[in-house]
Amino acid sequence: MKKTSLFFIEAALEEAPDDSAFIASVLGIVARARNISDLARSTGIARETLYKMLRGEGNPTMGNLSKLARSLGFRLSLVPVDSNGKPIKGSPKPSQARPLRRR
């Protein structure tokens, strides 16, 4: 399931990387394979807010998208891109980059 979800989410990010409502909607498709009540508990996001996010309505916050992604076993990250919006080859993968420390 996770591998299929990964390919689906990657394809959606290629299609519309800057559309947070679309990305939330795609995450919603993946999330519906799970129990929404459990997702609400694990993310700390109200169930009604989750349903709204997962329908692609509104403008979900980066924090809520991150919580949802994490609860589905993923992590949001920023990737360097060229002037056409395509990822720059040879740039370090998130797992290779040194994390910044919070102060």
Protein backbone atom coordinates (compact mmCIF):
# COMPACT_ATOMS: atom_id res chain seq x y z
CA MET A 1 0.00 0.00 0.00
CA LYS A 2 2.72 2.49 0.97
CA LYS A 3 4.66 2.00 -2.29
CA THR A 4 1.53 2.56 -4.38
CA SER A 5 0.72 5.64 -2.29
CA LEU A 6 4.25 6.92 -2.83
CA PHE A 7 3.98 6.69 -6.63
CA PHE A 8 0.54 8.31 -6.56
CA ILE A 9 1.71 11.21 -4.37
CA GLU A 10 4.92 11.69 -6.42
CA ALA A 11 2.86 11.89 -9.64
CA ALA A 12 0.56 14.48 -8.07
CA LEU A 13 3.51 16.57 -6.92
CA GLU A 14 4.91 16.48 -10.47
CA GLU A 15 1.54 17.56 -11.85
CA ALA A 16 0.84 20.49 -9.52
CA PRO A 17 3.65 21.06 -7.00
CA ASP A 18 2.42 24.51 -5.94
CA ASP A 19 -1.26 23.71 -5.45
CA SER A 20 -1.70 22.94 -1.74
CA ALA A 21 -5.43 22.23 -2.11
CA PHE A 22 -4.72 19.67 -4.86
CA ILE A 23 -1.96 18.07 -2.81
CA ALA A 24 -4.27 17.90 0.21
CA SER A 25 -6.92 16.30 -1.99
CA VAL A 26 -4.42 13.68 -3.19
CA LEU A 27 -3.36 13.01 0.40
CA GLY A 28 -7.07 12.66 1.13
CA ILE A 29 -7.40 9.85 -1.38
CA VAL A 30 -4.55 8.06 0.36
CA ALA A 31 -5.98 8.92 3.79
CA ARG A 32 -9.41 7.50 2.97
CA ALA A 33 -7.80 4.09 2.82
CA ARG A 34 -7.33 4.61 6.56
CA ASN A 35 -9.69 5.55 9.38
CA ILE A 36 -10.30 9.33 9.43
CA SER A 37 -10.97 9.30 13.19
CA ASP A 38 -7.57 7.69 13.77
CA LEU A 39 -5.93 10.27 11.49
CA ALA A 40 -7.64 13.09 13.40
CA ARG A 41 -6.30 11.71 16.67
CA SER A 42 -2.78 11.13 15.37
CA THR A 43 -2.52 14.55 13.69
CA GLY A 44 -4.36 16.62 16.29
CA ILE A 45 -6.44 18.10 13.45
CA ALA A 46 -10.20 18.27 14.03
CA ARG A 47 -12.08 15.66 11.99
CA GLU A 48 -14.20 18.31 10.28
CA THR A 49 -11.06 20.25 9.32
CA LEU A 50 -9.50 17.05 7.99
CA TYR A 51 -12.53 16.30 5.84
CA LYS A 52 -12.48 19.84 4.47
CA MET A 53 -8.74 19.61 3.74
CA LEU A 54 -9.08 16.21 2.13
CA ARG A 55 -11.76 17.45 -0.24
CA GLY A 56 -9.29 20.10 -1.45
CA GLU A 57 -11.35 22.93 0.01
CA GLY A 58 -9.89 26.03 1.55
CA ASN A 59 -6.22 26.77 1.88
CA PRO A 60 -4.63 24.21 4.22
CA THR A 61 -1.73 25.41 6.31
CA MET A 62 1.72 23.99 5.77
CA GLY A 63 1.59 22.73 9.34
CA ASN A 64 -1.59 20.74 8.73
CA LEU A 65 -0.27 19.32 5.45
CA SER A 66 2.92 18.31 7.25
CA LYS A 67 1.02 16.64 10.10
CA LEU A 68 -1.17 14.76 7.64
CA ALA A 69 1.80 13.64 5.54
CA ARG A 70 3.66 12.48 8.66
CA SER A 71 0.68 10.48 9.90
CA LEU A 72 0.53 8.75 6.50
CA GLY A 73 4.23 7.85 6.75
CA PHE A 74 5.64 10.65 4.58
CA ARG A 75 7.49 13.93 5.06
CA LEU A 76 7.23 17.19 3.17
CA SER A 77 10.48 18.59 1.83
CA LEU A 78 11.80 21.34 -0.42
CA VAL A 79 13.75 20.36 -3.52
CA PRO A 80 15.93 22.73 -5.57
CA VAL A 81 14.51 23.30 -9.07
CA ASP A 82 15.67 24.89 -12.30
CA SER A 83 13.95 27.82 -14.05
CA ASN A 84 11.39 25.39 -15.55
CA GLY A 85 10.44 24.03 -12.15
CA LYS A 86 12.15 20.68 -12.74
CA PRO A 87 14.24 19.17 -9.91
CA ILE A 88 17.97 19.78 -10.28
CA LYS A 89 19.74 16.47 -10.75
CA GLY A 90 22.57 15.71 -8.41
CA SER A 91 21.18 17.80 -5.56
CA PRO A 92 21.30 16.06 -2.19
CA LYS A 93 18.29 13.99 -1.21
CA PRO A 94 16.54 15.08 2.02
CA SER A 95 18.02 12.08 3.85
CA GLN A 96 21.53 13.21 2.83
CA ALA A 97 21.10 16.84 3.86
CA ARG A 98 22.02 17.94 7.35
CA PRO A 99 18.92 18.97 9.30
CA LEU A 100 18.78 22.46 10.77
CA ARG A 101 18.42 22.69 14.52
CA ARG A 102 15.52 24.57 16.00
CA ARG A 103 16.31 27.26 18.48
